[in-house]
C-alpha atoms as a PDB file:
ATOM      1  CA  MET A   1     -52.590  64.057 -45.095  1.00  0.00           C
ATOM      2  CA  LYS A   2     -51.437  61.299 -47.362  1.00  0.00           C
ATOM      3  CA  LEU A   3     -49.541  62.261 -50.536  1.00  0.00           C
ATOM      4  CA  THR A   4     -49.442  60.046 -53.544  1.00  0.00           C
ATOM      5  CA  ARG A   5     -46.180  59.056 -55.167  1.00  0.00           C
ATOM      6  CA  PHE A   6     -47.008  61.339 -58.079  1.00  0.00           C
ATOM      7  CA  ALA A   7     -47.547  64.347 -55.804  1.00  0.00           C
ATOM      8  CA  LEU A   8     -44.285  63.615 -53.980  1.00  0.00           C
ATOM      9  CA  ALA A   9     -42.423  63.380 -57.290  1.00  0.00           C
ATOM     10  CA  ILE A  10     -43.841  66.731 -58.460  1.00  0.00           C
ATOM     11  CA  LEU A  11     -42.932  68.360 -55.141  1.00  0.00           C
ATOM     12  CA  ALA A  12     -39.381  66.966 -55.277  1.00  0.00           C
ATOM     13  CA  LEU A  13     -38.938  68.103 -58.879  1.00  0.00           C
ATOM     14  CA  ALA A  14     -40.203  71.625 -58.116  1.00  0.00           C
ATOM     15  CA  SER A  15     -37.907  71.910 -55.095  1.00  0.00           C
ATOM     16  CA  ALA A  16     -34.880  70.694 -57.034  1.00  0.00           C
ATOM     17  CA  THR A  17     -35.586  73.114 -59.852  1.00  0.00           C
ATOM     18  CA  LEU A  18     -36.068  76.023 -57.477  1.00  0.00           C
ATOM     19  CA  PHE A  19     -32.819  75.371 -55.620  1.00  0.00           C
ATOM     20  CA  ALA A  20     -30.926  74.927 -58.888  1.00  0.00           C
ATOM     21  CA  VAL A  21     -32.198  78.195 -60.368  1.00  0.00           C
ATOM     22  CA  MET A  22     -31.848  80.465 -57.316  1.00  0.00           C
ATOM     23  CA  PRO A  23     -28.015  80.389 -57.079  1.00  0.00           C
ATOM     24  CA  ALA A  24     -27.744  81.021 -60.819  1.00  0.00           C
ATOM     25  CA  MET A  25     -30.042  84.036 -60.481  1.00  0.00           C
ATOM     26  CA  ALA A  26     -27.946  85.413 -57.628  1.00  0.00           C
ATOM     27  CA  LEU A  27     -24.759  85.133 -59.701  1.00  0.00           C
ATOM     28  CA  GLN A  28     -26.112  86.973 -62.740  1.00  0.00           C
ATOM     29  CA  ALA A  29     -24.173  90.139 -63.473  1.00  0.00           C
ATOM     30  CA  LYS A  30     -25.994  93.322 -62.656  1.00  0.00           C
ATOM     31  CA  PRO A  31     -25.498  96.318 -64.935  1.00  0.00           C
ATOM     32  CA  ALA A  32     -22.933  98.770 -63.639  1.00  0.00           C
ATOM     33  CA  PRO A  33     -24.353 102.048 -62.399  1.00  0.00           C
ATOM     34  CA  LYS A  34     -23.859 105.024 -64.675  1.00  0.00           C
ATOM     35  CA  ALA A  35     -20.743 106.965 -63.898  1.00  0.00           C
ATOM     36  CA  ALA A  36     -21.363 110.417 -62.602  1.00  0.00           C
ATOM     37  CA  ALA A  37     -19.763 113.384 -64.294  1.00  0.00           C
ATOM     38  CA  THR A  38     -17.632 113.746 -61.196  1.00  0.00           C
ATOM     39  CA  SER A  39     -16.999 111.224 -58.460  1.00  0.00           C
ATOM     40  CA  PRO A  40     -19.005 111.786 -55.260  1.00  0.00           C
ATOM     41  CA  GLY A  41     -15.931 112.593 -53.157  1.00  0.00           C
ATOM     42  CA  ALA A  42     -14.341 114.941 -55.687  1.00  0.00           C
ATOM     43  CA  PRO A  43     -14.939 118.665 -55.359  1.00  0.00           C
ATOM     44  CA  LYS A  44     -17.255 120.175 -57.944  1.00  0.00           C
ATOM     45  CA  PRO A  45     -15.494 122.176 -60.644  1.00  0.00           C
ATOM     46  CA  THR A  46     -15.641 125.892 -60.090  1.00  0.00           C
ATOM     47  CA  PRO A  47     -17.102 127.958 -62.894  1.00  0.00           C
ATOM     48  CA  PRO A  48     -14.664 130.229 -64.705  1.00  0.00           C
ATOM     49  CA  ASN A  49     -14.427 133.782 -63.445  1.00  0.00           C
ATOM     50  CA  SER A  50     -14.368 136.860 -65.665  1.00  0.00           C
ATOM     51  CA  ALA A  51     -10.546 136.830 -65.806  1.00  0.00           C
ATOM     52  CA  ASP A  52     -10.570 133.186 -67.011  1.00  0.00           C
ATOM     53  CA  ILE A  53     -13.152 134.040 -69.672  1.00  0.00           C
ATOM     54  CA  ALA A  54     -11.206 137.087 -70.840  1.00  0.00           C
ATOM     55  CA  SER A  55      -7.998 135.066 -71.040  1.00  0.00           C
ATOM     56  CA  ALA A  56      -9.709 132.307 -73.034  1.00  0.00           C
ATOM     57  CA  LYS A  57     -11.155 134.858 -75.458  1.00  0.00           C
ATOM     58  CA  THR A  58      -7.713 136.353 -76.157  1.00  0.00           C
ATOM     59  CA  LYS A  59      -6.345 132.855 -76.809  1.00  0.00           C
ATOM     60  CA  GLY A  60      -9.191 132.072 -79.227  1.00  0.00           C
ATOM     61  CA  LEU A  61     -10.508 129.153 -77.177  1.00  0.00           C
ATOM     62  CA  VAL A  62     -14.049 127.797 -77.326  1.00  0.00           C
ATOM     63  CA  TRP A  63     -16.180 126.770 -74.347  1.00  0.00           C
ATOM     64  CA  VAL A  64     -17.248 123.112 -74.514  1.00  0.00           C
ATOM     65  CA  ASN A  65     -20.330 121.951 -72.631  1.00  0.00           C
ATOM     66  CA  LEU A  66     -19.183 118.477 -71.542  1.00  0.00           C
ATOM     67  CA  ASN A  67     -22.750 117.231 -70.999  1.00  0.00           C
ATOM     68  CA  THR A  68     -24.092 118.079 -74.461  1.00  0.00           C
ATOM     69  CA  LYS A  69     -20.788 118.038 -76.386  1.00  0.00           C
ATOM     70  CA  VAL A  70     -21.594 121.413 -77.914  1.00  0.00           C
ATOM     71  CA  TYR A  71     -18.970 124.139 -78.128  1.00  0.00           C
ATOM     72  CA  HIS A  72     -19.594 127.874 -77.982  1.00  0.00           C
ATOM     73  CA  GLY A  73     -17.520 130.652 -79.500  1.00  0.00           C
ATOM     74  CA  SER A  74     -16.616 133.818 -77.614  1.00  0.00           C
ATOM     75  CA  ALA A  75     -19.594 135.716 -79.102  1.00  0.00           C
ATOM     76  CA  ASP A  76     -22.144 133.199 -77.724  1.00  0.00           C
ATOM     77  CA  LYS A  77     -24.003 134.057 -74.523  1.00  0.00           C
ATOM     78  CA  GLU A  78     -23.268 130.551 -73.185  1.00  0.00           C
ATOM     79  CA  TYR A  79     -19.505 131.110 -73.459  1.00  0.00           C
ATOM     80  CA  GLY A  80     -18.064 130.088 -70.097  1.00  0.00           C
ATOM     81  CA  THR A  81     -21.464 129.791 -68.412  1.00  0.00           C
ATOM     82  CA  THR A  82     -22.668 126.193 -68.618  1.00  0.00           C
ATOM     83  CA  LYS A  83     -22.359 124.145 -65.419  1.00  0.00           C
ATOM     84  CA  ASN A  84     -20.110 121.393 -66.732  1.00  0.00           C
ATOM     85  CA  GLY A  85     -17.670 122.680 -69.298  1.00  0.00           C
ATOM     86  CA  LYS A  86     -14.140 123.759 -70.060  1.00  0.00           C
ATOM     87  CA  PHE A  87     -12.129 125.870 -72.452  1.00  0.00           C
ATOM     88  CA  MET A  88     -10.193 124.222 -75.282  1.00  0.00           C
ATOM     89  CA  THR A  89      -9.156 124.827 -78.843  1.00  0.00           C
ATOM     90  CA  LYS A  90     -11.729 124.293 -81.563  1.00  0.00           C
ATOM     91  CA  ALA A  91      -9.623 121.402 -82.921  1.00  0.00           C
ATOM     92  CA  ASP A  92      -9.541 119.736 -79.501  1.00  0.00           C
ATOM     93  CA  ALA A  93     -13.297 120.240 -79.131  1.00  0.00           C
ATOM     94  CA  LYS A  94     -13.941 118.567 -82.480  1.00  0.00           C
ATOM     95  CA  ALA A  95     -11.514 115.756 -81.623  1.00  0.00           C
ATOM     96  CA  ALA A  96     -13.465 115.214 -78.390  1.00  0.00           C
ATOM     97  CA  GLY A  97     -16.662 114.778 -80.437  1.00  0.00           C
ATOM     98  CA  ALA A  98     -18.171 118.206 -79.795  1.00  0.00           C
ATOM     99  CA  ARG A  99     -20.054 120.135 -82.445  1.00  0.00           C
ATOM    100  CA  ALA A 100     -20.591 123.861 -82.911  1.00  0.00           C
ATOM    101  CA  ALA A 101     -23.645 125.449 -81.305  1.00  0.00           C
ATOM    102  CA  LYS A 102     -26.529 126.207 -83.657  1.00  0.00           C
ATOM    103  CA  HIS A 103     -27.139 129.949 -83.286  1.00  0.00           C
END
């Protein structure tokens, strides 16, 4: 098959463009994966036991759900029960960006 000069020029231009663009595409930064709440190798936090909850109540601490950034007082049924949370003072909870639960 005989190619004309024009067809050869188009083919050469397309090849040059393709080879120039492919390395640039490979070097583009990919978005970082979302960080997990805990690293895969780290042990999962253990939920507080009844002694921990009782101790926190006597100290006047709130339970902060770290996923939703909502804190619960000792009278709330969620106090010490959400999967990813911890006890802290109300001031620390607010400083961490948590808000009071709407009950």
